[in-house]
Amino acid sequence: MNKKLDNYLIVNYTKVLLNAILISFCLGLILNLFEEVEFFKNTNESLFLPVILTLSYIPNLIFVNLMPFIIFISAMWFFISIKHNNELLTLKVFGYSNAKVIALIGLISFIWGILILIVINPLTSDMVKYYEKTKSNYSKDTDHLVTINRNGVWIKERKNNNLYIINADRLESNYLIDVSINIISKNNIISKRIEAEKANVSSNNWDVKNLRIFNFDKTGSVKIENKNDMKFKSFYNVEKLNSLFKNLDTISFIELLTKNKNLINKGYEKTTITEKINSFFALPFFLTLMTVLAAIFTINNRNSNNINYLMIAVLTCAVIYYMKDLSVALGKSDRISPEISVWIPIIIIGLINSIGLLQINEK
């Protein structure tokens, strides 16, 4: 009998969760589609491309960023339903305490969090990568593009009728290391190549150090010139370059674990990667605690007004979101470590849940 009751609770909770995900996906699809259509309104592309890009962007938003709040609302809805249908009383007759029911539903949320990390996240990260790459191809500012891959940092700029292709091995602090600047004329001929040990990119006026300049003339001969330093005006500076490393949604949880050293060598900030890895590790625990929190609000609350439940859900999600955002901001400002900034909201919610579970267990 207990297995049948367990299966009954698991199936019904899963149905509620999948319905909540589906509703969230539809709302996200509608809202984001307007933004994508606005982006492509001056192009000749059909509606198909905005739809594909929206379908590529929304899954990561739902399964990684919004899942704790979707879990919270789903769990509240589930516990409200079994409470209003007097199923909790029936379960108690068969030896199920409130704590046992909450533990079972919390376990499902925890397993769901692990499935997101191992199965879903690699897919959503590839979808976000496709989204970012496709949109960059349609960017109005196509004369200025940057990409980061296994071959380092690549920058494309166009100015003074010349095309500048810049490659660097990596970004360290304010410096691009092992820089190569190829200057291509409007006739698609390389007129000059600059190779430098490093370039200070703290401003748009780069300070290039220890360089060799290869000047190519029309006859094909090369004149080499050595310099200690020179100035190079660019569209990019360290702030703009660092912003490209902040979107770790294009990198899956598994890749962050296995390739974090390579990512750091390419220029990704160690603190940013550490924060992202810890946020992934915290996800299953976060989902579980949000499930328990939803149970505490619903089982302890004697008010049967659904509007009150809705207001509680919205306010709780808002408070937790801003608390999480504040904690991350403290981590980025080096007031606390990145690891602690991720786990502080988890610890606070865990303490609140421990108090609430004691009250529920007494009933």
Protein backbone atom coordinates (compact mmCIF):
# COMPACT_ATOMS: atom_id res chain seq x y z
CA MET A 1 0.00 0.00 0.00
CA ASN A 2 2.80 2.39 0.88
CA LYS A 3 4.36 2.00 -2.58
CA LYS A 4 1.04 2.75 -4.21
CA LEU A 5 0.64 5.88 -2.09
CA ASP A 6 4.22 6.92 -2.86
CA ASN A 7 3.59 6.48 -6.57
CA TYR A 8 0.33 8.41 -6.27
CA LEU A 9 2.07 11.39 -4.63
CA ILE A 10 5.01 11.28 -7.02
CA VAL A 11 2.85 11.10 -10.16
CA ASN A 12 0.51 13.89 -9.04
CA TYR A 13 3.34 16.19 -8.01
CA THR A 14 5.16 15.52 -11.29
CA LYS A 15 2.00 16.38 -13.23
CA VAL A 16 1.66 19.68 -11.38
CA LEU A 17 5.35 20.48 -11.96
CA LEU A 18 5.21 19.68 -15.68
CA ASN A 19 2.07 21.80 -16.07
CA ALA A 20 3.81 24.71 -14.33
CA ILE A 21 6.85 24.32 -16.61
CA LEU A 22 4.59 24.22 -19.68
CA ILE A 23 2.72 27.37 -18.60
CA SER A 24 6.02 29.16 -17.87
CA PHE A 25 7.38 28.08 -21.25
CA CYS A 26 4.30 29.43 -23.08
CA LEU A 27 4.47 32.76 -21.22
CA GLY A 28 8.20 33.05 -21.90
CA LEU A 29 7.67 32.16 -25.55
CA ILE A 30 5.07 34.89 -26.01
CA LEU A 31 7.01 37.60 -24.16
CA ASN A 32 10.42 36.87 -25.69
CA LEU A 33 8.99 36.45 -29.19
CA PHE A 34 7.95 40.13 -29.22
CA GLU A 35 11.54 41.11 -28.37
CA GLU A 36 12.99 38.91 -31.12
CA VAL A 37 10.50 40.18 -33.71
CA GLU A 38 11.45 43.74 -32.76
CA PHE A 39 15.13 42.86 -33.25
CA PHE A 40 14.56 41.44 -36.75
CA LYS A 41 11.94 43.91 -37.92
CA ASN A 42 14.37 45.72 -40.26
CA THR A 43 15.66 42.52 -41.86
CA ASN A 44 14.21 40.27 -44.55
CA GLU A 45 13.94 37.31 -42.22
CA SER A 46 10.61 35.53 -41.79
CA LEU A 47 8.93 34.87 -38.45
CA PHE A 48 10.56 31.42 -38.41
CA LEU A 49 13.95 32.71 -37.21
CA PRO A 50 12.59 34.70 -34.20
CA VAL A 51 10.59 31.64 -33.19
CA ILE A 52 13.65 29.36 -33.41
CA LEU A 53 15.75 31.82 -31.40
CA THR A 54 13.04 32.11 -28.76
CA LEU A 55 12.83 28.33 -28.51
CA SER A 56 16.62 28.28 -28.08
CA TYR A 57 16.66 30.92 -25.35
CA ILE A 58 13.65 30.06 -23.16
CA PRO A 59 14.66 26.54 -21.94
CA ASN A 60 17.80 27.82 -20.18
CA LEU A 61 15.81 30.63 -18.59
CA ILE A 62 13.19 28.22 -17.25
CA PHE A 63 15.24 25.17 -16.26
CA VAL A 64 18.24 26.99 -14.77
CA ASN A 65 17.30 30.52 -13.74
CA LEU A 66 13.61 30.30 -12.84
CA MET A 67 13.27 26.67 -11.76
CA PRO A 68 13.47 27.38 -7.98
CA PHE A 69 10.46 29.68 -8.25
CA ILE A 70 8.58 27.32 -10.57
CA ILE A 71 9.21 24.53 -8.06
CA PHE A 72 7.96 26.74 -5.22
CA ILE A 73 4.69 27.60 -6.99
CA SER A 74 4.21 23.98 -8.13
CA ALA A 75 4.76 22.63 -4.63
CA MET A 76 2.35 25.19 -3.17
CA TRP A 77 -0.29 24.20 -5.70
CA PHE A 78 0.25 20.49 -4.97
CA PHE A 79 0.01 20.86 -1.20
CA ILE A 80 -3.04 23.13 -1.52
CA SER A 81 -4.80 20.49 -3.63
CA ILE A 82 -4.15 17.56 -1.29
CA LYS A 83 -5.03 19.73 1.71
CA HIS A 84 -8.35 20.96 0.28
CA ASN A 85 -9.29 17.43 -0.84
CA ASN A 86 -8.60 16.15 2.70
CA GLU A 87 -5.99 13.79 1.24
CA LEU A 88 -3.56 14.71 4.02
CA LEU A 89 -5.99 13.27 6.57
CA THR A 90 -6.35 10.11 4.49
CA LEU A 91 -2.57 9.77 4.27
CA LYS A 92 -2.28 10.08 8.05
CA VAL A 93 -4.65 7.14 8.43
CA PHE A 94 -2.15 5.03 6.47
CA GLY A 95 0.74 6.21 8.65
CA TYR A 96 1.98 9.16 6.59
CA SER A 97 3.00 12.15 8.71
CA ASN A 98 3.26 15.67 7.27
CA ALA A 99 7.03 15.41 7.47
CA LYS A 100 7.07 12.15 5.49
CA VAL A 101 4.95 13.63 2.69
CA ILE A 102 7.18 16.73 2.54
CA ALA A 103 10.33 14.56 2.55
CA LEU A 104 9.03 12.51 -0.39
CA ILE A 105 8.12 15.57 -2.48
CA GLY A 106 11.40 17.26 -1.51
CA LEU A 107 13.30 14.18 -2.69
CA ILE A 108 11.58 14.41 -6.09
CA SER A 109 12.64 18.06 -6.35
CA PHE A 110 16.22 17.12 -5.45
CA ILE A 111 16.33 14.38 -8.10
CA TRP A 112 14.82 16.82 -10.61
CA GLY A 113 17.65 19.26 -9.83
CA ILE A 114 20.26 16.57 -10.52
CA LEU A 115 18.57 15.69 -13.82
CA ILE A 116 18.70 19.36 -14.82
CA LEU A 117 22.46 19.50 -14.18
CA ILE A 118 23.37 16.24 -15.91
CA VAL A 119 20.81 15.86 -18.70
CA ILE A 120 19.04 19.17 -19.41
CA ASN A 121 21.76 21.76 -18.83
CA PRO A 122 24.18 20.45 -21.54
CA LEU A 123 21.33 20.81 -24.04
CA THR A 124 20.23 24.27 -22.90
CA SER A 125 23.84 25.57 -22.90
CA ASP A 126 24.25 24.49 -26.54
CA MET A 127 20.94 26.18 -27.36
CA VAL A 128 22.07 29.42 -25.72
CA LYS A 129 25.36 29.17 -27.64
CA TYR A 130 23.40 28.87 -30.90
CA TYR A 131 21.20 31.80 -29.83
CA GLU A 132 24.16 34.07 -29.09
CA LYS A 133 26.04 33.11 -32.26
CA THR A 134 23.01 33.61 -34.53
CA LYS A 135 22.08 36.97 -33.06
CA SER A 136 25.67 38.20 -33.31
CA ASN A 137 25.55 37.51 -37.06
CA TYR A 138 22.59 39.87 -37.37
CA SER A 139 24.00 42.55 -35.11
CA LYS A 140 23.89 46.06 -36.57
CA ASP A 141 27.43 46.60 -35.40
CA THR A 142 28.96 43.85 -37.55
CA ASP A 143 32.10 45.92 -38.15
CA HIS A 144 33.03 45.24 -34.54
CA LEU A 145 32.88 41.61 -33.44
CA VAL A 146 34.59 39.52 -30.76
CA THR A 147 34.69 35.77 -30.26
CA ILE A 148 36.42 33.55 -27.73
CA ASN A 149 37.31 29.96 -28.65
CA ARG A 150 40.03 27.36 -28.13
CA ASN A 151 42.41 29.53 -30.20
CA GLY A 152 42.10 32.49 -27.85
CA VAL A 153 40.48 35.90 -28.25
CA TRP A 154 39.58 37.12 -31.75
CA ILE A 155 38.56 40.70 -32.52
CA LYS A 156 37.34 42.14 -35.80
CA GLU A 157 37.30 45.91 -36.36
CA ARG A 158 36.86 48.10 -39.39
CA LYS A 159 38.15 51.67 -39.50
CA ASN A 160 39.77 54.02 -42.00
CA ASN A 161 38.78 51.68 -44.87
CA ASN A 162 40.94 48.95 -43.33
CA LEU A 163 39.96 45.69 -41.67
CA TYR A 164 41.74 44.83 -38.42
CA ILE A 165 41.87 41.17 -37.34
CA ILE A 166 43.28 40.92 -33.83
CA ASN A 167 44.18 37.67 -32.10
CA ALA A 168 45.48 37.16 -28.56
CA ASP A 169 46.27 34.02 -26.64
CA ARG A 170 44.33 35.12 -23.54
CA LEU A 171 43.18 38.02 -21.40
CA GLU A 172 44.97 38.51 -18.07
CA SER A 173 43.72 41.34 -15.87
CA ASN A 174 44.03 44.45 -18.10
CA TYR A 175 46.35 42.80 -20.64
CA LEU A 176 45.91 40.83 -23.84
CA ILE A 177 48.82 38.37 -24.02
CA ASP A 178 50.67 37.38 -27.24
CA VAL A 179 48.85 39.81 -29.51
CA SER A 180 48.79 39.69 -33.29
CA ILE A 181 47.20 42.54 -35.28
CA ASN A 182 46.65 42.02 -39.01
CA ILE A 183 45.75 45.11 -41.04
CA ILE A 184 43.96 44.29 -44.30
CA SER A 185 43.40 46.96 -46.93
CA LYS A 186 40.17 47.51 -48.86
CA ASN A 187 41.66 45.34 -51.63
CA ASN A 188 41.80 42.40 -49.18
CA ILE A 189 45.60 42.52 -49.05
CA ILE A 190 47.53 42.33 -45.77
CA SER A 191 49.44 45.60 -45.60
CA LYS A 192 50.81 45.27 -42.08
CA ARG A 193 51.08 42.78 -39.22
CA ILE A 194 51.93 43.70 -35.66
CA GLU A 195 53.11 41.06 -33.18
CA ALA A 196 53.42 42.10 -29.55
CA GLU A 197 54.17 40.49 -26.21
CA LYS A 198 51.15 42.13 -24.58
CA ALA A 199 48.78 45.07 -24.82
CA ASN A 200 47.27 47.07 -21.98
CA VAL A 201 43.57 47.34 -22.89
CA SER A 202 42.35 49.19 -19.80
CA SER A 203 41.17 51.97 -22.13
CA ASN A 204 40.24 52.22 -25.82
CA ASN A 205 43.71 53.60 -26.48
CA TRP A 206 45.74 50.40 -26.11
CA ASP A 207 49.33 50.49 -24.89
CA VAL A 208 51.12 47.81 -26.92
CA LYS A 209 54.47 46.57 -25.54
CA ASN A 210 57.51 44.85 -27.08
CA LEU A 211 56.30 44.63 -30.64
CA ARG A 212 57.51 43.81 -34.12
CA ILE A 213 55.90 45.47 -37.13
CA PHE A 214 55.90 43.68 -40.50
CA ASN A 215 55.25 46.13 -43.36
CA PHE A 216 54.33 44.53 -46.69
CA ASP A 217 54.74 46.55 -49.88
CA LYS A 218 53.17 45.95 -53.30
CA THR A 219 56.19 43.99 -54.54
CA GLY A 220 55.81 41.43 -51.76
CA SER A 221 58.93 42.42 -49.81
CA VAL A 222 58.76 42.80 -46.04
CA LYS A 223 60.23 45.51 -43.86
CA ILE A 224 60.53 44.60 -40.17
CA GLU A 225 60.56 47.25 -37.47
CA ASN A 226 61.04 46.70 -33.73
CA LYS A 227 59.51 48.97 -31.08
CA ASN A 228 59.27 49.00 -27.31
CA ASP A 229 55.75 50.40 -27.27
CA MET A 230 53.06 52.02 -29.40
CA LYS A 231 49.46 53.22 -29.10
CA PHE A 232 46.60 51.45 -30.85
CA LYS A 233 43.10 52.91 -30.81
CA SER A 234 40.39 50.26 -30.59
CA PHE A 235 36.63 49.99 -30.21
CA TYR A 236 37.18 47.57 -27.31
CA ASN A 237 38.61 47.92 -23.82
CA VAL A 238 38.92 45.54 -20.87
CA GLU A 239 35.41 46.32 -19.63
CA LYS A 240 33.82 45.38 -22.96
CA LEU A 241 36.00 42.29 -23.29
CA ASN A 242 35.20 41.10 -19.76
CA SER A 243 31.49 41.44 -20.45
CA LEU A 244 31.88 38.73 -23.08
CA PHE A 245 33.21 36.32 -20.46
CA LYS A 246 30.31 36.83 -18.06
CA ASN A 247 27.71 34.85 -19.99
CA LEU A 248 28.50 31.38 -18.69
CA ASP A 249 25.08 30.13 -19.76
CA THR A 250 26.78 28.95 -22.97
CA ILE A 251 28.94 26.58 -20.91
CA SER A 252 27.35 23.54 -19.27
CA PHE A 253 27.85 22.41 -15.69
CA ILE A 254 29.92 19.41 -16.84
CA GLU A 255 32.17 21.62 -19.00
CA LEU A 256 32.72 24.03 -16.09
CA LEU A 257 33.92 21.15 -13.94
CA THR A 258 36.14 19.49 -16.53
CA LYS A 259 37.49 22.54 -18.37
CA ASN A 260 37.59 25.28 -15.74
CA LYS A 261 41.40 25.62 -15.95
CA ASN A 262 41.25 26.08 -19.72
CA LEU A 263 38.50 28.67 -19.32
CA ILE A 264 40.57 30.60 -16.78
CA ASN A 265 43.58 30.52 -19.13
CA LYS A 266 41.42 31.95 -21.91
CA GLY A 267 40.48 34.92 -19.74
CA TYR A 268 37.40 33.93 -17.77
CA GLU A 269 37.54 35.27 -14.24
CA LYS A 270 38.16 32.57 -11.64
CA THR A 271 35.69 34.12 -9.21
CA THR A 272 32.94 34.13 -11.87
CA ILE A 273 33.54 30.47 -12.71
CA THR A 274 33.67 29.51 -9.02
CA GLU A 275 30.39 31.31 -8.39
CA LYS A 276 28.72 29.58 -11.35
CA ILE A 277 29.94 26.11 -10.32
CA ASN A 278 28.68 26.62 -6.78
CA SER A 279 25.33 27.90 -8.03
CA PHE A 280 24.98 24.69 -10.07
CA PHE A 281 25.92 22.53 -7.07
CA ALA A 282 23.41 24.46 -4.95
CA LEU A 283 20.54 24.00 -7.43
CA PRO A 284 19.22 20.61 -6.19
CA PHE A 285 19.38 21.82 -2.57
CA PHE A 286 17.72 25.10 -3.55
CA LEU A 287 14.86 23.24 -5.26
CA THR A 288 14.40 20.97 -2.25
CA LEU A 289 14.33 23.86 0.22
CA MET A 290 11.85 25.80 -1.92
CA THR A 291 9.60 22.72 -1.91
CA VAL A 292 9.79 22.48 1.87
CA LEU A 293 9.14 26.22 2.19
CA ALA A 294 6.02 25.88 0.03
CA ALA A 295 4.79 23.04 2.25
CA ILE A 296 5.33 25.11 5.38
CA PHE A 297 3.28 28.00 4.00
CA THR A 298 0.40 25.80 2.87
CA ILE A 299 0.14 23.15 5.61
CA ASN A 300 0.60 25.62 8.47
CA ASN A 301 -1.84 28.11 6.96
CA ARG A 302 -5.48 27.55 7.92
CA ASN A 303 -6.76 30.18 5.50
CA SER A 304 -8.36 28.55 2.43
CA ASN A 305 -8.34 31.70 0.28
CA ASN A 306 -6.40 30.97 -2.93
CA ILE A 307 -5.71 34.68 -3.49
CA ASN A 308 -3.83 34.81 -0.21
CA TYR A 309 -1.77 31.81 -1.28
CA LEU A 310 -0.98 33.53 -4.58
CA MET A 311 0.11 36.72 -2.80
CA ILE A 312 2.31 34.70 -0.43
CA ALA A 313 3.92 32.92 -3.38
CA VAL A 314 4.62 36.16 -5.28
CA LEU A 315 6.01 38.01 -2.25
CA THR A 316 8.15 35.06 -1.18
CA CYS A 317 9.63 34.64 -4.65
CA ALA A 318 10.39 38.38 -4.80
CA VAL A 319 12.09 38.39 -1.39
CA ILE A 320 14.19 35.29 -2.16
CA TYR A 321 15.13 36.63 -5.61
CA TYR A 322 16.41 39.94 -4.21
CA MET A 323 18.11 38.22 -1.29
CA LYS A 324 19.91 35.93 -3.75
CA ASP A 325 20.78 38.90 -5.98
CA LEU A 326 22.13 40.89 -3.01
CA SER A 327 24.26 37.97 -1.88
CA VAL A 328 25.75 37.55 -5.37
CA ALA A 329 26.45 41.30 -5.54
CA LEU A 330 28.36 41.08 -2.24
CA GLY A 331 30.39 38.23 -3.71
CA LYS A 332 31.23 40.19 -6.85
CA SER A 333 32.32 43.19 -4.77
CA ASP A 334 34.75 40.92 -2.84
CA ARG A 335 33.03 41.61 0.48
CA ILE A 336 32.42 37.88 0.81
CA SER A 337 33.80 34.94 -1.13
CA PRO A 338 31.93 33.78 -4.27
CA GLU A 339 31.25 30.39 -2.69
CA ILE A 340 29.65 31.90 0.42
CA SER A 341 27.62 34.38 -1.66
CA VAL A 342 25.90 31.44 -3.39
CA TRP A 343 25.23 29.41 -0.24
CA ILE A 344 24.05 32.22 2.09
CA PRO A 345 20.46 32.25 0.70
CA ILE A 346 20.40 28.42 0.89
CA ILE A 347 21.49 28.52 4.53
CA ILE A 348 18.91 31.19 5.43
CA ILE A 349 16.05 29.30 3.75
CA GLY A 350 17.27 26.11 5.43
CA LEU A 351 17.10 27.75 8.89
CA ILE A 352 13.60 29.06 8.19
CA ASN A 353 12.52 25.61 7.02
CA SER A 354 13.90 23.90 10.13
CA ILE A 355 11.69 26.10 12.32
CA GLY A 356 8.65 25.54 10.13
CA LEU A 357 9.18 21.77 10.00
CA LEU A 358 9.16 21.57 13.79
CA GLN A 359 5.74 23.22 13.82
CA ILE A 360 4.43 20.94 11.07
CA ASN A 361 5.73 17.81 12.77
CA GLU A 362 3.77 18.69 15.89
CA LYS A 363 0.50 18.58 13.92
